Amino acid sequence: YCSVTGFGQTGPYAERAGYDFLAQGMGGIMSVTG
């Protein structure tokens, strides 16, 4: 059983909806791109 989510099954953000754009921003890649 594979669950694909924005922020995982645990942690304070678990219930948030996830989007690629948000993940790129929050995960650091946008800070080193451009």
PDB file of all heavy atoms in Angstrom:
ATOM      1  N   TYR A   1       0.866  -1.179   0.000  1.00  0.00           N
ATOM      2  CA  TYR A   1       0.000   0.000   0.000  1.00  0.00           C
ATOM      3  C   TYR A   1       0.902   1.228   0.000  1.00  0.00           C
ATOM      4  O   TYR A   1       1.612   1.489   0.961  1.00  0.00           O
ATOM      5  CB  TYR A   1      -0.869  -0.055   1.252  1.00  0.00           C
ATOM      6  CG  TYR A   1      -1.994   0.951   1.361  1.00  0.00           C
ATOM      7  CD1 TYR A   1      -3.318   0.528   1.368  1.00  0.00           C
ATOM      8  CD2 TYR A   1      -1.748   2.315   1.501  1.00  0.00           C
ATOM      9  CE1 TYR A   1      -4.373   1.439   1.499  1.00  0.00           C
ATOM     10  CE2 TYR A   1      -2.783   3.230   1.627  1.00  0.00           C
ATOM     11  CZ  TYR A   1      -4.100   2.785   1.625  1.00  0.00           C
ATOM     12  OH  TYR A   1      -5.125   3.680   1.764  1.00  0.00           O
ATOM     13  N   CYS A   2       0.885   1.987  -1.088  1.00  0.00           N
ATOM     14  CA  CYS A   2       1.770   3.145  -1.231  1.00  0.00           C
ATOM     15  C   CYS A   2       0.961   4.426  -1.191  1.00  0.00           C
ATOM     16  O   CYS A   2       0.088   4.637  -2.033  1.00  0.00           O
ATOM     17  CB  CYS A   2       2.560   3.064  -2.538  1.00  0.00           C
ATOM     18  SG  CYS A   2       3.684   4.450  -2.795  1.00  0.00           S
ATOM     19  N   SER A   3       1.264   5.291  -0.215  1.00  0.00           N
ATOM     20  CA  SER A   3       0.608   6.590  -0.090  1.00  0.00           C
ATOM     21  C   SER A   3       1.557   7.685  -0.545  1.00  0.00           C
ATOM     22  O   SER A   3       2.672   7.811  -0.030  1.00  0.00           O
ATOM     23  CB  SER A   3       0.203   6.844   1.367  1.00  0.00           C
ATOM     24  OG  SER A   3      -0.770   5.921   1.789  1.00  0.00           O
ATOM     25  N   VAL A   4       1.114   8.470  -1.525  1.00  0.00           N
ATOM     26  CA  VAL A   4       1.883   9.596  -2.046  1.00  0.00           C
ATOM     27  C   VAL A   4       1.179  10.875  -1.610  1.00  0.00           C
ATOM     28  O   VAL A   4       0.032  11.118  -1.992  1.00  0.00           O
ATOM     29  CB  VAL A   4       1.972   9.533  -3.590  1.00  0.00           C
ATOM     30  CG1 VAL A   4       2.781  10.716  -4.129  1.00  0.00           C
ATOM     31  CG2 VAL A   4       2.580   8.208  -4.045  1.00  0.00           C
ATOM     32  N   THR A   5       1.839  11.685  -0.794  1.00  0.00           N
ATOM     33  CA  THR A   5       1.224  12.906  -0.281  1.00  0.00           C
ATOM     34  C   THR A   5       2.189  14.076  -0.415  1.00  0.00           C
ATOM     35  O   THR A   5       3.337  13.908  -0.853  1.00  0.00           O
ATOM     36  CB  THR A   5       0.830  12.746   1.199  1.00  0.00           C
ATOM     37  OG1 THR A   5       2.005  12.417   1.957  1.00  0.00           O
ATOM     38  CG2 THR A   5      -0.223  11.669   1.377  1.00  0.00           C
ATOM     39  N   GLY A   6       1.716  15.250  -0.011  1.00  0.00           N
ATOM     40  CA  GLY A   6       2.578  16.423  -0.054  1.00  0.00           C
ATOM     41  C   GLY A   6       3.610  16.437   1.048  1.00  0.00           C
ATOM     42  O   GLY A   6       4.769  16.779   0.835  1.00  0.00           O
ATOM     43  N   PHE A   7       3.182  16.015   2.269  1.00  0.00           N
ATOM     44  CA  PHE A   7       4.050  16.187   3.427  1.00  0.00           C
ATOM     45  C   PHE A   7       4.219  14.932   4.270  1.00  0.00           C
ATOM     46  O   PHE A   7       4.833  14.987   5.335  1.00  0.00           O
ATOM     47  CB  PHE A   7       3.503  17.323   4.299  1.00  0.00           C
ATOM     48  CG  PHE A   7       3.460  18.644   3.573  1.00  0.00           C
ATOM     49  CD1 PHE A   7       2.278  19.103   3.008  1.00  0.00           C
ATOM     50  CD2 PHE A   7       4.602  19.404   3.414  1.00  0.00           C
ATOM     51  CE1 PHE A   7       2.230  20.313   2.323  1.00  0.00           C
ATOM     52  CE2 PHE A   7       4.568  20.612   2.726  1.00  0.00           C
ATOM     53  CZ  PHE A   7       3.385  21.068   2.177  1.00  0.00           C
ATOM     54  N   GLY A   8       3.695  13.806   3.830  1.00  0.00           N
ATOM     55  CA  GLY A   8       3.874  12.569   4.569  1.00  0.00           C
ATOM     56  C   GLY A   8       2.731  12.295   5.531  1.00  0.00           C
ATOM     57  O   GLY A   8       1.839  13.117   5.745  1.00  0.00           O
ATOM     58  N   GLN A   9       2.778  11.110   6.129  1.00  0.00           N
ATOM     59  CA  GLN A   9       1.725  10.654   7.032  1.00  0.00           C
ATOM     60  C   GLN A   9       1.901  11.171   8.451  1.00  0.00           C
ATOM     61  O   GLN A   9       1.008  11.031   9.284  1.00  0.00           O
ATOM     62  CB  GLN A   9       1.703   9.121   7.055  1.00  0.00           C
ATOM     63  CG  GLN A   9       1.455   8.475   5.702  1.00  0.00           C
ATOM     64  CD  GLN A   9       0.068   8.747   5.162  1.00  0.00           C
ATOM     65  OE1 GLN A   9      -0.927   8.472   5.837  1.00  0.00           O
ATOM     66  NE2 GLN A   9      -0.019   9.278   3.951  1.00  0.00           N
ATOM     67  N   THR A  10       3.053  11.739   8.775  1.00  0.00           N
ATOM     68  CA  THR A  10       3.338  12.213  10.117  1.00  0.00           C
ATOM     69  C   THR A  10       3.853  13.646  10.055  1.00  0.00           C
ATOM     70  O   THR A  10       4.157  14.166   8.986  1.00  0.00           O
ATOM     71  CB  THR A  10       4.400  11.326  10.793  1.00  0.00           C
ATOM     72  OG1 THR A  10       5.608  11.348  10.007  1.00  0.00           O
ATOM     73  CG2 THR A  10       3.917   9.890  10.921  1.00  0.00           C
ATOM     74  N   GLY A  11       3.977  14.283  11.224  1.00  0.00           N
ATOM     75  CA  GLY A  11       4.516  15.632  11.286  1.00  0.00           C
ATOM     76  C   GLY A  11       3.434  16.694  11.284  1.00  0.00           C
ATOM     77  O   GLY A  11       2.268  16.428  10.949  1.00  0.00           O
ATOM     78  N   PRO A  12       3.787  17.929  11.612  1.00  0.00           N
ATOM     79  CA  PRO A  12       2.792  18.997  11.757  1.00  0.00           C
ATOM     80  C   PRO A  12       2.099  19.399  10.466  1.00  0.00           C
ATOM     81  O   PRO A  12       1.041  20.023  10.509  1.00  0.00           O
ATOM     82  CB  PRO A  12       3.605  20.163  12.346  1.00  0.00           C
ATOM     83  CG  PRO A  12       5.030  19.882  11.963  1.00  0.00           C
ATOM     84  CD  PRO A  12       5.147  18.395  11.972  1.00  0.00           C
ATOM     85  N   TYR A  13       2.678  19.085   9.318  1.00  0.00           N
ATOM     86  CA  TYR A  13       2.065  19.462   8.039  1.00  0.00           C
ATOM     87  C   TYR A  13       1.307  18.312   7.383  1.00  0.00           C
ATOM     88  O   TYR A  13       0.850  18.445   6.251  1.00  0.00           O
ATOM     89  CB  TYR A  13       3.129  19.943   7.045  1.00  0.00           C
ATOM     90  CG  TYR A  13       3.993  21.098   7.495  1.00  0.00           C
ATOM     91  CD1 TYR A  13       5.218  21.337   6.869  1.00  0.00           C
ATOM     92  CD2 TYR A  13       3.612  21.946   8.526  1.00  0.00           C
ATOM     93  CE1 TYR A  13       6.031  22.386   7.263  1.00  0.00           C
ATOM     94  CE2 TYR A  13       4.415  22.995   8.938  1.00  0.00           C
ATOM     95  CZ  TYR A  13       5.621  23.213   8.296  1.00  0.00           C
ATOM     96  OH  TYR A  13       6.428  24.243   8.692  1.00  0.00           O
ATOM     97  N   ALA A  14       1.186  17.188   8.063  1.00  0.00           N
ATOM     98  CA  ALA A  14       0.675  15.978   7.416  1.00  0.00           C
ATOM     99  C   ALA A  14      -0.670  16.173   6.742  1.00  0.00           C
ATOM    100  O   ALA A  14      -0.925  15.614   5.674  1.00  0.00           O
ATOM    101  CB  ALA A  14       0.592  14.835   8.433  1.00  0.00           C
ATOM    102  N   GLU A  15      -1.548  16.974   7.329  1.00  0.00           N
ATOM    103  CA  GLU A  15      -2.900  17.101   6.779  1.00  0.00           C
ATOM    104  C   GLU A  15      -3.005  18.163   5.695  1.00  0.00           C
ATOM    105  O   GLU A  15      -4.079  18.355   5.117  1.00  0.00           O
ATOM    106  CB  GLU A  15      -3.887  17.400   7.908  1.00  0.00           C
ATOM    107  CG  GLU A  15      -4.023  16.244   8.889  1.00  0.00           C
ATOM    108  CD  GLU A  15      -5.106  16.477   9.927  1.00  0.00           C
ATOM    109  OE1 GLU A  15      -5.761  17.530   9.878  1.00  0.00           O
ATOM    110  OE2 GLU A  15      -5.289  15.590  10.776  1.00  0.00           O
ATOM    111  N   ARG A  16      -1.928  18.870   5.406  1.00  0.00           N
ATOM    112  CA  ARG A  16      -1.975  19.883   4.347  1.00  0.00           C
ATOM    113  C   ARG A  16      -2.019  19.241   2.966  1.00  0.00           C
ATOM    114  O   ARG A  16      -1.440  18.179   2.733  1.00  0.00           O
ATOM    115  CB  ARG A  16      -0.739  20.778   4.408  1.00  0.00           C
ATOM    116  CG  ARG A  16      -0.637  21.668   5.623  1.00  0.00           C
ATOM    117  CD  ARG A  16       0.556  22.596   5.461  1.00  0.00           C
ATOM    118  NE  ARG A  16       0.808  23.396   6.645  1.00  0.00           N
ATOM    119  CZ  ARG A  16       1.797  24.287   6.733  1.00  0.00           C
ATOM    120  NH1 ARG A  16       2.622  24.482   5.700  1.00  0.00           N
ATOM    121  NH2 ARG A  16       1.979  24.980   7.848  1.00  0.00           N
ATOM    122  N   ALA A  17      -2.677  19.921   2.046  1.00  0.00           N
ATOM    123  CA  ALA A  17      -2.600  19.510   0.641  1.00  0.00           C
ATOM    124  C   ALA A  17      -1.218  19.879   0.105  1.00  0.00           C
ATOM    125  O   ALA A  17      -0.644  20.901   0.479  1.00  0.00           O
ATOM    126  CB  ALA A  17      -3.681  20.209  -0.170  1.00  0.00           C
ATOM    127  N   GLY A  18      -0.688  19.037  -0.751  1.00  0.00           N
ATOM    128  CA  GLY A  18       0.656  19.277  -1.274  1.00  0.00           C
ATOM    129  C   GLY A  18       0.658  19.521  -2.769  1.00  0.00           C
ATOM    130  O   GLY A  18      -0.105  18.897  -3.510  1.00  0.00           O
ATOM    131  N   TYR A  19       1.517  20.424  -3.207  1.00  0.00           N
ATOM    132  CA  TYR A  19       1.668  20.735  -4.625  1.00  0.00           C
ATOM    133  C   TYR A  19       3.150  20.834  -4.957  1.00  0.00           C
ATOM    134  O   TYR A  19       3.963  21.241  -4.121  1.00  0.00           O
ATOM    135  CB  TYR A  19       0.963  22.059  -4.960  1.00  0.00           C
ATOM    136  CG  TYR A  19      -0.527  22.012  -4.735  1.00  0.00           C
ATOM    137  CD1 TYR A  19      -1.060  22.364  -3.500  1.00  0.00           C
ATOM    138  CD2 TYR A  19      -1.393  21.589  -5.736  1.00  0.00           C
ATOM    139  CE1 TYR A  19      -2.433  22.308  -3.272  1.00  0.00           C
ATOM    140  CE2 TYR A  19      -2.763  21.531  -5.520  1.00  0.00           C
ATOM    141  CZ  TYR A  19      -3.273  21.889  -4.288  1.00  0.00           C
ATOM    142  OH  TYR A  19      -4.623  21.825  -4.070  1.00  0.00           O
ATOM    143  N   ASP A  20       3.476  20.482  -6.167  1.00  0.00           N
ATOM    144  CA  ASP A  20       4.866  20.509  -6.603  1.00  0.00           C
ATOM    145  C   ASP A  20       5.514  21.868  -6.343  1.00  0.00           C
ATOM    146  O   ASP A  20       6.633  21.947  -5.825  1.00  0.00           O
ATOM    147  CB  ASP A  20       4.944  20.175  -8.098  1.00  0.00           C
ATOM    148  CG  ASP A  20       6.334  20.314  -8.668  1.00  0.00           C
ATOM    149  OD1 ASP A  20       6.688  21.442  -9.107  1.00  0.00           O
ATOM    150  OD2 ASP A  20       7.076  19.336  -8.664  1.00  0.00           O
ATOM    151  N   PHE A  21       4.833  22.949  -6.694  1.00  0.00           N
ATOM    152  CA  PHE A  21       5.367  24.302  -6.540  1.00  0.00           C
ATOM    153  C   PHE A  21       5.718  24.576  -5.070  1.00  0.00           C
ATOM    154  O   PHE A  21       6.785  25.108  -4.741  1.00  0.00           O
ATOM    155  CB  PHE A  21       4.327  25.305  -7.043  1.00  0.00           C
ATOM    156  CG  PHE A  21       4.868  26.665  -7.395  1.00  0.00           C
ATOM    157  CD1 PHE A  21       4.005  27.615  -7.934  1.00  0.00           C
ATOM    158  CD2 PHE A  21       6.194  27.016  -7.203  1.00  0.00           C
ATOM    159  CE1 PHE A  21       4.465  28.886  -8.270  1.00  0.00           C
ATOM    160  CE2 PHE A  21       6.662  28.280  -7.535  1.00  0.00           C
ATOM    161  CZ  PHE A  21       5.798  29.214  -8.058  1.00  0.00           C
ATOM    162  N   LEU A  22       4.809  24.185  -4.167  1.00  0.00           N
ATOM    163  CA  LEU A  22       5.073  24.377  -2.747  1.00  0.00           C
ATOM    164  C   LEU A  22       6.276  23.561  -2.295  1.00  0.00           C
ATOM    165  O   LEU A  22       7.115  24.041  -1.515  1.00  0.00           O
ATOM    166  CB  LEU A  22       3.849  23.974  -1.917  1.00  0.00           C
ATOM    167  CG  LEU A  22       2.565  24.770  -2.134  1.00  0.00           C
ATOM    168  CD1 LEU A  22       1.463  24.233  -1.226  1.00  0.00           C
ATOM    169  CD2 LEU A  22       2.802  26.249  -1.876  1.00  0.00           C
ATOM    170  N   ALA A  23       6.366  22.322  -2.768  1.00  0.00           N
ATOM    171  CA  ALA A  23       7.490  21.471  -2.370  1.00  0.00           C
ATOM    172  C   ALA A  23       8.813  22.051  -2.860  1.00  0.00           C
ATOM    173  O   ALA A  23       9.826  22.028  -2.137  1.00  0.00           O
ATOM    174  CB  ALA A  23       7.292  20.060  -2.918  1.00  0.00           C
ATOM    175  N   GLN A  24       8.824  22.574  -4.090  1.00  0.00           N
ATOM    176  CA  GLN A  24      10.062  23.175  -4.592  1.00  0.00           C
ATOM    177  C   GLN A  24      10.470  24.369  -3.735  1.00  0.00           C
ATOM    178  O   GLN A  24      11.652  24.555  -3.437  1.00  0.00           O
ATOM    179  CB  GLN A  24       9.888  23.610  -6.048  1.00  0.00           C
ATOM    180  CG  GLN A  24       9.807  22.461  -7.041  1.00  0.00           C
ATOM    181  CD  GLN A  24      10.051  22.913  -8.469  1.00  0.00           C
ATOM    182  OE1 GLN A  24      10.884  23.776  -8.718  1.00  0.00           O
ATOM    183  NE2 GLN A  24       9.334  22.309  -9.412  1.00  0.00           N
ATOM    184  N   GLY A  25       9.491  25.175  -3.329  1.00  0.00           N
ATOM    185  CA  GLY A  25       9.806  26.332  -2.502  1.00  0.00           C
ATOM    186  C   GLY A  25      10.234  25.942  -1.107  1.00  0.00           C
ATOM    187  O   GLY A  25      11.280  26.382  -0.610  1.00  0.00           O
ATOM    188  N   MET A  26       9.454  25.087  -0.450  1.00  0.00           N
ATOM    189  CA  MET A  26       9.735  24.724   0.933  1.00  0.00           C
ATOM    190  C   MET A  26      10.954  23.824   1.050  1.00  0.00           C
ATOM    191  O   MET A  26      11.646  23.830   2.075  1.00  0.00           O
ATOM    192  CB  MET A  26       8.511  24.031   1.541  1.00  0.00           C
ATOM    193  CG  MET A  26       7.291  24.924   1.622  1.00  0.00           C
ATOM    194  SD  MET A  26       5.804  24.052   2.154  1.00  0.00           S
ATOM    195  CE  MET A  26       6.211  23.763   3.872  1.00  0.00           C
ATOM    196  N   GLY A  27      11.224  23.031   0.012  1.00  0.00           N
ATOM    197  CA  GLY A  27      12.327  22.080   0.054  1.00  0.00           C
ATOM    198  C   GLY A  27      13.674  22.634  -0.335  1.00  0.00           C
ATOM    199  O   GLY A  27      14.667  21.909  -0.322  1.00  0.00           O
ATOM    200  N   GLY A  28      13.742  23.918  -0.713  1.00  0.00           N
ATOM    201  CA  GLY A  28      15.028  24.566  -0.912  1.00  0.00           C
ATOM    202  C   GLY A  28      15.514  24.711  -2.332  1.00  0.00           C
ATOM    203  O   GLY A  28      16.419  25.507  -2.588  1.00  0.00           O
ATOM    204  N   ILE A  29      14.923  23.979  -3.295  1.00  0.00           N
ATOM    205  CA  ILE A  29      15.505  24.006  -4.634  1.00  0.00           C
ATOM    206  C   ILE A  29      15.356  25.374  -5.285  1.00  0.00           C
ATOM    207  O   ILE A  29      16.226  25.824  -6.037  1.00  0.00           O
ATOM    208  CB  ILE A  29      14.899  22.901  -5.537  1.00  0.00           C
ATOM    209  CG1 ILE A  29      15.747  22.710  -6.808  1.00  0.00           C
ATOM    210  CG2 ILE A  29      13.457  23.208  -5.900  1.00  0.00           C
ATOM    211  CD1 ILE A  29      17.125  22.178  -6.532  1.00  0.00           C
ATOM    212  N   MET A  30      14.279  26.105  -4.977  1.00  0.00           N
ATOM    213  CA  MET A  30      14.083  27.413  -5.600  1.00  0.00           C
ATOM    214  C   MET A  30      15.093  28.441  -5.088  1.00  0.00           C
ATOM    215  O   MET A  30      15.365  29.434  -5.763  1.00  0.00           O
ATOM    216  CB  MET A  30      12.653  27.905  -5.374  1.00  0.00           C
ATOM    217  CG  MET A  30      11.619  27.145  -6.192  1.00  0.00           C
ATOM    218  SD  MET A  30       9.911  27.632  -5.832  1.00  0.00           S
ATOM    219  CE  MET A  30       9.938  29.351  -6.342  1.00  0.00           C
ATOM    220  N   SER A  31      15.663  28.194  -3.915  1.00  0.00           N
ATOM    221  CA  SER A  31      16.643  29.139  -3.366  1.00  0.00           C
ATOM    222  C   SER A  31      17.983  29.061  -4.083  1.00  0.00           C
ATOM    223  O   SER A  31      18.813  29.952  -3.920  1.00  0.00           O
ATOM    224  CB  SER A  31      16.847  28.878  -1.871  1.00  0.00           C
ATOM    225  OG  SER A  31      17.604  27.698  -1.641  1.00  0.00           O
ATOM    226  N   VAL A  32      18.190  27.982  -4.859  1.00  0.00           N
ATOM    227  CA  VAL A  32      19.463  27.851  -5.578  1.00  0.00           C
ATOM    228  C   VAL A  32      19.252  27.791  -7.085  1.00  0.00           C
ATOM    229  O   VAL A  32      20.175  27.461  -7.836  1.00  0.00           O
ATOM    230  CB  VAL A  32      20.265  26.609  -5.098  1.00  0.00           C
ATOM    231  CG1 VAL A  32      20.705  26.792  -3.664  1.00  0.00           C
ATOM    232  CG2 VAL A  32      19.445  25.322  -5.253  1.00  0.00           C
ATOM    233  N   THR A  33      18.024  28.072  -7.535  1.00  0.00           N
ATOM    234  CA  THR A  33      17.705  28.029  -8.963  1.00  0.00           C
ATOM    235  C   THR A  33      17.472  29.448  -9.471  1.00  0.00           C
ATOM    236  O   THR A  33      16.825  30.252  -8.808  1.00  0.00           O
ATOM    237  CB  THR A  33      16.441  27.181  -9.207  1.00  0.00           C
ATOM    238  OG1 THR A  33      16.654  25.878  -8.685  1.00  0.00           O
ATOM    239  CG2 THR A  33      16.124  27.076 -10.688  1.00  0.00           C
ATOM    240  N   GLY A  34      17.977  29.730 -10.661  1.00  0.00           N
ATOM    241  CA  GLY A  34      17.761  31.040 -11.257  1.00  0.00           C
ATOM    242  C   GLY A  34      18.963  31.956 -11.115  1.00  0.00           C
ATOM    243  O   GLY A  34      20.023  31.570 -10.610  1.00  0.00           O
TER     244      GLY A  34
END
